Amino acid sequence: LLTGFDDPADIAAFYLDQGAEAVVIKLGADGAY
């Protein structure tokens, strides 16, 4: 919702481009990217 991207890698890249050093995306029972 926040980035408009579907893939976790693209979502993470969005925040890395903003200045984050690490992005961790919660995937529920599947763990985390």
PDB file of all heavy atoms in Angstrom:
ATOM      1  N   LEU A   1       0.824  -1.210   0.000  1.00  0.00           N
ATOM      2  CA  LEU A   1       0.000   0.000   0.000  1.00  0.00           C
ATOM      3  C   LEU A   1       0.861   1.264   0.000  1.00  0.00           C
ATOM      4  O   LEU A   1       0.581   2.231  -0.718  1.00  0.00           O
ATOM      5  CB  LEU A   1      -0.922   0.002   1.235  1.00  0.00           C
ATOM      6  CG  LEU A   1      -1.792   1.239   1.425  1.00  0.00           C
ATOM      7  CD1 LEU A   1      -2.740   1.425   0.249  1.00  0.00           C
ATOM      8  CD2 LEU A   1      -2.569   1.140   2.726  1.00  0.00           C
ATOM      9  N   LEU A   2       1.924   1.260   0.775  1.00  0.00           N
ATOM     10  CA  LEU A   2       2.747   2.452   0.935  1.00  0.00           C
ATOM     11  C   LEU A   2       3.623   2.754  -0.275  1.00  0.00           C
ATOM     12  O   LEU A   2       3.918   3.918  -0.554  1.00  0.00           O
ATOM     13  CB  LEU A   2       3.640   2.303   2.179  1.00  0.00           C
ATOM     14  CG  LEU A   2       2.917   2.347   3.525  1.00  0.00           C
ATOM     15  CD1 LEU A   2       3.862   1.913   4.646  1.00  0.00           C
ATOM     16  CD2 LEU A   2       2.368   3.737   3.811  1.00  0.00           C
ATOM     17  N   THR A   3       4.040   1.728  -0.986  1.00  0.00           N
ATOM     18  CA  THR A   3       4.983   1.940  -2.088  1.00  0.00           C
ATOM     19  C   THR A   3       4.380   1.742  -3.472  1.00  0.00           C
ATOM     20  O   THR A   3       4.932   2.241  -4.463  1.00  0.00           O
ATOM     21  CB  THR A   3       6.192   0.992  -1.965  1.00  0.00           C
ATOM     22  OG1 THR A   3       5.769  -0.361  -2.220  1.00  0.00           O
ATOM     23  CG2 THR A   3       6.830   1.083  -0.585  1.00  0.00           C
ATOM     24  N   GLY A   4       3.299   0.988  -3.549  1.00  0.00           N
ATOM     25  CA  GLY A   4       2.728   0.677  -4.858  1.00  0.00           C
ATOM     26  C   GLY A   4       3.379  -0.515  -5.536  1.00  0.00           C
ATOM     27  O   GLY A   4       2.994  -0.889  -6.645  1.00  0.00           O
ATOM     28  N   PHE A   5       4.362  -1.124  -4.882  1.00  0.00           N
ATOM     29  CA  PHE A   5       5.032  -2.304  -5.425  1.00  0.00           C
ATOM     30  C   PHE A   5       4.473  -3.576  -4.777  1.00  0.00           C
ATOM     31  O   PHE A   5       4.072  -3.558  -3.614  1.00  0.00           O
ATOM     32  CB  PHE A   5       6.535  -2.228  -5.189  1.00  0.00           C
ATOM     33  CG  PHE A   5       7.220  -1.100  -5.913  1.00  0.00           C
ATOM     34  CD1 PHE A   5       7.748  -0.026  -5.214  1.00  0.00           C
ATOM     35  CD2 PHE A   5       7.330  -1.113  -7.294  1.00  0.00           C
ATOM     36  CE1 PHE A   5       8.380   1.031  -5.875  1.00  0.00           C
ATOM     37  CE2 PHE A   5       7.954  -0.070  -7.968  1.00  0.00           C
ATOM     38  CZ  PHE A   5       8.479   1.003  -7.262  1.00  0.00           C
ATOM     39  N   ASP A   6       4.487  -4.673  -5.513  1.00  0.00           N
ATOM     40  CA  ASP A   6       4.001  -5.947  -4.988  1.00  0.00           C
ATOM     41  C   ASP A   6       5.107  -6.820  -4.415  1.00  0.00           C
ATOM     42  O   ASP A   6       4.924  -7.497  -3.402  1.00  0.00           O
ATOM     43  CB  ASP A   6       3.273  -6.737  -6.091  1.00  0.00           C
ATOM     44  CG  ASP A   6       1.930  -6.129  -6.453  1.00  0.00           C
ATOM     45  OD1 ASP A   6       1.294  -5.546  -5.560  1.00  0.00           O
ATOM     46  OD2 ASP A   6       1.542  -6.240  -7.629  1.00  0.00           O
ATOM     47  N   ASP A   7       6.253  -6.822  -5.074  1.00  0.00           N
ATOM     48  CA  ASP A   7       7.341  -7.718  -4.696  1.00  0.00           C
ATOM     49  C   ASP A   7       8.106  -7.168  -3.487  1.00  0.00           C
ATOM     50  O   ASP A   7       8.434  -5.978  -3.448  1.00  0.00           O
ATOM     51  CB  ASP A   7       8.300  -7.895  -5.873  1.00  0.00           C
ATOM     52  CG  ASP A   7       9.310  -8.986  -5.613  1.00  0.00           C
ATOM     53  OD1 ASP A   7       8.996 -10.154  -5.863  1.00  0.00           O
ATOM     54  OD2 ASP A   7      10.428  -8.650  -5.152  1.00  0.00           O
ATOM     55  N   PRO A   8       8.408  -8.010  -2.500  1.00  0.00           N
ATOM     56  CA  PRO A   8       9.152  -7.542  -1.327  1.00  0.00           C
ATOM     57  C   PRO A   8      10.477  -6.867  -1.682  1.00  0.00           C
ATOM     58  O   PRO A   8      10.865  -5.890  -1.036  1.00  0.00           O
ATOM     59  CB  PRO A   8       9.377  -8.822  -0.521  1.00  0.00           C
ATOM     60  CG  PRO A   8       8.236  -9.699  -0.889  1.00  0.00           C
ATOM     61  CD  PRO A   8       7.963  -9.415  -2.335  1.00  0.00           C
ATOM     62  N   ALA A   9      11.167  -7.360  -2.701  1.00  0.00           N
ATOM     63  CA  ALA A   9      12.449  -6.761  -3.080  1.00  0.00           C
ATOM     64  C   ALA A   9      12.267  -5.316  -3.549  1.00  0.00           C
ATOM     65  O   ALA A   9      13.084  -4.441  -3.250  1.00  0.00           O
ATOM     66  CB  ALA A   9      13.115  -7.588  -4.178  1.00  0.00           C
ATOM     67  N   ASP A  10      11.183  -5.071  -4.278  1.00  0.00           N
ATOM     68  CA  ASP A  10      10.927  -3.714  -4.758  1.00  0.00           C
ATOM     69  C   ASP A  10      10.476  -2.799  -3.630  1.00  0.00           C
ATOM     70  O   ASP A  10      10.830  -1.619  -3.598  1.00  0.00           O
ATOM     71  CB  ASP A  10       9.863  -3.743  -5.858  1.00  0.00           C
ATOM     72  CG  ASP A  10      10.338  -4.458  -7.111  1.00  0.00           C
ATOM     73  OD1 ASP A  10      11.548  -4.384  -7.404  1.00  0.00           O
ATOM     74  OD2 ASP A  10       9.513  -5.098  -7.784  1.00  0.00           O
ATOM     75  N   ILE A  11       9.692  -3.343  -2.710  1.00  0.00           N
ATOM     76  CA  ILE A  11       9.279  -2.555  -1.543  1.00  0.00           C
ATOM     77  C   ILE A  11      10.507  -2.143  -0.736  1.00  0.00           C
ATOM     78  O   ILE A  11      10.662  -0.983  -0.342  1.00  0.00           O
ATOM     79  CB  ILE A  11       8.311  -3.368  -0.662  1.00  0.00           C
ATOM     80  CG1 ILE A  11       7.020  -3.656  -1.422  1.00  0.00           C
ATOM     81  CG2 ILE A  11       8.023  -2.631   0.643  1.00  0.00           C
ATOM     82  CD1 ILE A  11       6.108  -4.664  -0.745  1.00  0.00           C
ATOM     83  N   ALA A  12      11.393  -3.099  -0.513  1.00  0.00           N
ATOM     84  CA  ALA A  12      12.612  -2.808   0.244  1.00  0.00           C
ATOM     85  C   ALA A  12      13.473  -1.784  -0.471  1.00  0.00           C
ATOM     86  O   ALA A  12      14.023  -0.859   0.148  1.00  0.00           O
ATOM     87  CB  ALA A  12      13.402  -4.090   0.483  1.00  0.00           C
ATOM     88  N   ALA A  13      13.605  -1.926  -1.779  1.00  0.00           N
ATOM     89  CA  ALA A  13      14.413  -0.980  -2.557  1.00  0.00           C
ATOM     90  C   ALA A  13      13.874   0.435  -2.439  1.00  0.00           C
ATOM     91  O   ALA A  13      14.648   1.410  -2.397  1.00  0.00           O
ATOM     92  CB  ALA A  13      14.449  -1.410  -4.021  1.00  0.00           C
ATOM     93  N   PHE A  14      12.562   0.573  -2.385  1.00  0.00           N
ATOM     94  CA  PHE A  14      11.930   1.893  -2.234  1.00  0.00           C
ATOM     95  C   PHE A  14      12.457   2.599  -0.983  1.00  0.00           C
ATOM     96  O   PHE A  14      12.812   3.785  -1.021  1.00  0.00           O
ATOM     97  CB  PHE A  14      10.408   1.716  -2.154  1.00  0.00           C
ATOM     98  CG  PHE A  14       9.638   2.981  -1.911  1.00  0.00           C
ATOM     99  CD1 PHE A  14       9.207   3.758  -2.972  1.00  0.00           C
ATOM    100  CD2 PHE A  14       9.334   3.385  -0.621  1.00  0.00           C
ATOM    101  CE1 PHE A  14       8.484   4.932  -2.749  1.00  0.00           C
ATOM    102  CE2 PHE A  14       8.617   4.549  -0.381  1.00  0.00           C
ATOM    103  CZ  PHE A  14       8.192   5.325  -1.449  1.00  0.00           C
ATOM    104  N   TYR A  15      12.526   1.866   0.148  1.00  0.00           N
ATOM    105  CA  TYR A  15      12.970   2.486   1.401  1.00  0.00           C
ATOM    106  C   TYR A  15      14.492   2.609   1.479  1.00  0.00           C
ATOM    107  O   TYR A  15      15.011   3.551   2.088  1.00  0.00           O
ATOM    108  CB  TYR A  15      12.405   1.714   2.599  1.00  0.00           C
ATOM    109  CG  TYR A  15      10.914   1.903   2.716  1.00  0.00           C
ATOM    110  CD1 TYR A  15      10.032   0.856   2.474  1.00  0.00           C
ATOM    111  CD2 TYR A  15      10.373   3.155   3.009  1.00  0.00           C
ATOM    112  CE1 TYR A  15       8.663   1.030   2.538  1.00  0.00           C
ATOM    113  CE2 TYR A  15       9.005   3.350   3.084  1.00  0.00           C
ATOM    114  CZ  TYR A  15       8.155   2.289   2.839  1.00  0.00           C
ATOM    115  OH  TYR A  15       6.797   2.480   2.892  1.00  0.00           O
ATOM    116  N   LEU A  16      15.210   1.687   0.864  1.00  0.00           N
ATOM    117  CA  LEU A  16      16.664   1.834   0.798  1.00  0.00           C
ATOM    118  C   LEU A  16      17.026   3.091   0.012  1.00  0.00           C
ATOM    119  O   LEU A  16      17.955   3.826   0.384  1.00  0.00           O
ATOM    120  CB  LEU A  16      17.295   0.601   0.160  1.00  0.00           C
ATOM    121  CG  LEU A  16      17.244  -0.692   0.975  1.00  0.00           C
ATOM    122  CD1 LEU A  16      17.777  -1.853   0.141  1.00  0.00           C
ATOM    123  CD2 LEU A  16      18.036  -0.570   2.270  1.00  0.00           C
ATOM    124  N   ASP A  17      16.293   3.368  -1.043  1.00  0.00           N
ATOM    125  CA  ASP A  17      16.545   4.571  -1.839  1.00  0.00           C
ATOM    126  C   ASP A  17      16.250   5.842  -1.060  1.00  0.00           C
ATOM    127  O   ASP A  17      16.799   6.908  -1.364  1.00  0.00           O
ATOM    128  CB  ASP A  17      15.696   4.550  -3.117  1.00  0.00           C
ATOM    129  CG  ASP A  17      16.167   3.515  -4.127  1.00  0.00           C
ATOM    130  OD1 ASP A  17      17.322   3.044  -3.993  1.00  0.00           O
ATOM    131  OD2 ASP A  17      15.392   3.167  -5.036  1.00  0.00           O
ATOM    132  N   GLN A  18      15.389   5.733  -0.041  1.00  0.00           N
ATOM    133  CA  GLN A  18      15.064   6.895   0.795  1.00  0.00           C
ATOM    134  C   GLN A  18      16.087   7.119   1.902  1.00  0.00           C
ATOM    135  O   GLN A  18      16.035   8.131   2.585  1.00  0.00           O
ATOM    136  CB  GLN A  18      13.675   6.725   1.426  1.00  0.00           C
ATOM    137  CG  GLN A  18      12.523   6.929   0.466  1.00  0.00           C
ATOM    138  CD  GLN A  18      11.192   7.049   1.197  1.00  0.00           C
ATOM    139  OE1 GLN A  18      11.074   6.731   2.381  1.00  0.00           O
ATOM    140  NE2 GLN A  18      10.177   7.523   0.501  1.00  0.00           N
ATOM    141  N   GLY A  19      16.980   6.158   2.103  1.00  0.00           N
ATOM    142  CA  GLY A  19      17.996   6.347   3.135  1.00  0.00           C
ATOM    143  C   GLY A  19      18.055   5.289   4.210  1.00  0.00           C
ATOM    144  O   GLY A  19      18.892   5.367   5.112  1.00  0.00           O
ATOM    145  N   ALA A  20      17.176   4.282   4.150  1.00  0.00           N
ATOM    146  CA  ALA A  20      17.236   3.203   5.135  1.00  0.00           C
ATOM    147  C   ALA A  20      18.493   2.362   4.930  1.00  0.00           C
ATOM    148  O   ALA A  20      19.016   2.259   3.820  1.00  0.00           O
ATOM    149  CB  ALA A  20      16.005   2.313   5.020  1.00  0.00           C
ATOM    150  N   GLU A  21      18.976   1.753   6.008  1.00  0.00           N
ATOM    151  CA  GLU A  21      20.119   0.852   5.928  1.00  0.00           C
ATOM    152  C   GLU A  21      19.673  -0.605   5.832  1.00  0.00           C
ATOM    153  O   GLU A  21      20.398  -1.440   5.303  1.00  0.00           O
ATOM    154  CB  GLU A  21      21.008   1.047   7.157  1.00  0.00           C
ATOM    155  CG  GLU A  21      21.648   2.432   7.216  1.00  0.00           C
ATOM    156  CD  GLU A  21      22.472   2.626   8.473  1.00  0.00           C
ATOM    157  OE1 GLU A  21      22.495   1.699   9.325  1.00  0.00           O
ATOM    158  OE2 GLU A  21      23.073   3.703   8.627  1.00  0.00           O
ATOM    159  N   ALA A  22      18.500  -0.900   6.377  1.00  0.00           N
ATOM    160  CA  ALA A  22      17.956  -2.257   6.325  1.00  0.00           C
ATOM    161  C   ALA A  22      16.437  -2.172   6.300  1.00  0.00           C
ATOM    162  O   ALA A  22      15.841  -1.358   7.012  1.00  0.00           O
ATOM    163  CB  ALA A  22      18.419  -3.082   7.523  1.00  0.00           C
ATOM    164  N   VAL A  23      15.822  -3.009   5.475  1.00  0.00           N
ATOM    165  CA  VAL A  23      14.367  -3.105   5.412  1.00  0.00           C
ATOM    166  C   VAL A  23      14.004  -4.566   5.643  1.00  0.00           C
ATOM    167  O   VAL A  23      14.553  -5.461   4.985  1.00  0.00           O
ATOM    168  CB  VAL A  23      13.824  -2.630   4.050  1.00  0.00           C
ATOM    169  CG1 VAL A  23      12.294  -2.712   4.037  1.00  0.00           C
ATOM    170  CG2 VAL A  23      14.288  -1.212   3.746  1.00  0.00           C
ATOM    171  N   VAL A  24      13.112  -4.799   6.596  1.00  0.00           N
ATOM    172  CA  VAL A  24      12.685  -6.171   6.895  1.00  0.00           C
ATOM    173  C   VAL A  24      11.174  -6.213   6.753  1.00  0.00           C
ATOM    174  O   VAL A  24      10.456  -5.467   7.427  1.00  0.00           O
ATOM    175  CB  VAL A  24      13.113  -6.597   8.309  1.00  0.00           C
ATOM    176  CG1 VAL A  24      12.713  -8.048   8.553  1.00  0.00           C
ATOM    177  CG2 VAL A  24      14.621  -6.424   8.487  1.00  0.00           C
ATOM    178  N   ILE A  25      10.693  -7.065   5.881  1.00  0.00           N
ATOM    179  CA  ILE A  25       9.276  -7.133   5.555  1.00  0.00           C
ATOM    180  C   ILE A  25       8.674  -8.393   6.154  1.00  0.00           C
ATOM    181  O   ILE A  25       9.092  -9.512   5.842  1.00  0.00           O
ATOM    182  CB  ILE A  25       9.073  -7.098   4.030  1.00  0.00           C
ATOM    183  CG1 ILE A  25       9.661  -5.797   3.461  1.00  0.00           C
ATOM    184  CG2 ILE A  25       7.589  -7.217   3.679  1.00  0.00           C
ATOM    185  CD1 ILE A  25       9.683  -5.735   1.957  1.00  0.00           C
ATOM    186  N   LYS A  26       7.688  -8.211   6.999  1.00  0.00           N
ATOM    187  CA  LYS A  26       7.048  -9.330   7.681  1.00  0.00           C
ATOM    188  C   LYS A  26       6.123 -10.080   6.723  1.00  0.00           C
ATOM    189  O   LYS A  26       5.269  -9.481   6.084  1.00  0.00           O
ATOM    190  CB  LYS A  26       6.261  -8.808   8.892  1.00  0.00           C
ATOM    191  CG  LYS A  26       7.154  -8.275   9.997  1.00  0.00           C
ATOM    192  CD  LYS A  26       6.393  -7.416  10.997  1.00  0.00           C
ATOM    193  CE  LYS A  26       6.206  -6.005  10.458  1.00  0.00           C
ATOM    194  NZ  LYS A  26       5.658  -5.071  11.477  1.00  0.00           N
ATOM    195  N   LEU A  27       6.294 -11.394   6.654  1.00  0.00           N
ATOM    196  CA  LEU A  27       5.530 -12.235   5.734  1.00  0.00           C
ATOM    197  C   LEU A  27       4.590 -13.189   6.463  1.00  0.00           C
ATOM    198  O   LEU A  27       4.176 -14.205   5.911  1.00  0.00           O
ATOM    199  CB  LEU A  27       6.488 -13.046   4.845  1.00  0.00           C
ATOM    200  CG  LEU A  27       7.530 -12.248   4.052  1.00  0.00           C
ATOM    201  CD1 LEU A  27       8.458 -13.189   3.299  1.00  0.00           C
ATOM    202  CD2 LEU A  27       6.858 -11.261   3.092  1.00  0.00           C
ATOM    203  N   GLY A  28       4.284 -12.892   7.715  1.00  0.00           N
ATOM    204  CA  GLY A  28       3.392 -13.758   8.484  1.00  0.00           C
ATOM    205  C   GLY A  28       4.035 -15.103   8.769  1.00  0.00           C
ATOM    206  O   GLY A  28       5.209 -15.191   9.141  1.00  0.00           O
ATOM    207  N   ALA A  29       3.268 -16.164   8.563  1.00  0.00           N
ATOM    208  CA  ALA A  29       3.762 -17.514   8.855  1.00  0.00           C
ATOM    209  C   ALA A  29       4.950 -17.904   7.980  1.00  0.00           C
ATOM    210  O   ALA A  29       5.707 -18.818   8.320  1.00  0.00           O
ATOM    211  CB  ALA A  29       2.643 -18.527   8.671  1.00  0.00           C
ATOM    212  N   ASP A  30       5.129 -17.206   6.860  1.00  0.00           N
ATOM    213  CA  ASP A  30       6.243 -17.515   5.961  1.00  0.00           C
ATOM    214  C   ASP A  30       7.566 -16.905   6.416  1.00  0.00           C
ATOM    215  O   ASP A  30       8.599 -17.133   5.769  1.00  0.00           O
ATOM    216  CB  ASP A  30       5.925 -17.036   4.537  1.00  0.00           C
ATOM    217  CG  ASP A  30       4.796 -17.821   3.905  1.00  0.00           C
ATOM    218  OD1 ASP A  30       4.660 -19.018   4.221  1.00  0.00           O
ATOM    219  OD2 ASP A  30       4.033 -17.234   3.112  1.00  0.00           O
ATOM    220  N   GLY A  31       7.556 -16.132   7.489  1.00  0.00           N
ATOM    221  CA  GLY A  31       8.800 -15.558   8.006  1.00  0.00           C
ATOM    222  C   GLY A  31       8.971 -14.111   7.614  1.00  0.00           C
ATOM    223  O   GLY A  31       8.047 -13.306   7.750  1.00  0.00           O
ATOM    224  N   ALA A  32      10.130 -13.770   7.072  1.00  0.00           N
ATOM    225  CA  ALA A  32      10.409 -12.371   6.739  1.00  0.00           C
ATOM    226  C   ALA A  32      11.456 -12.280   5.637  1.00  0.00           C
ATOM    227  O   ALA A  32      12.363 -13.108   5.541  1.00  0.00           O
ATOM    228  CB  ALA A  32      10.887 -11.613   7.968  1.00  0.00           C
ATOM    229  N   TYR A  33      11.307 -11.250   4.820  1.00  0.00           N
ATOM    230  CA  TYR A  33      12.295 -10.917   3.793  1.00  0.00           C
ATOM    231  C   TYR A  33      13.104  -9.734   4.293  1.00  0.00           C
ATOM    232  O   TYR A  33      12.547  -8.780   4.830  1.00  0.00           O
ATOM    233  CB  TYR A  33      11.592 -10.553   2.487  1.00  0.00           C
ATOM    234  CG  TYR A  33      12.505  -9.922   1.447  1.00  0.00           C
ATOM    235  CD1 TYR A  33      13.259 -10.707   0.583  1.00  0.00           C
ATOM    236  CD2 TYR A  33      12.621  -8.531   1.340  1.00  0.00           C
ATOM    237  CE1 TYR A  33      14.106 -10.127  -0.368  1.00  0.00           C
ATOM    238  CE2 TYR A  33      13.456  -7.949   0.392  1.00  0.00           C
ATOM    239  CZ  TYR A  33      14.193  -8.748  -0.454  1.00  0.00           C
ATOM    240  OH  TYR A  33      15.027  -8.181  -1.377  1.00  0.00           O
TER     241      TYR A  33
END
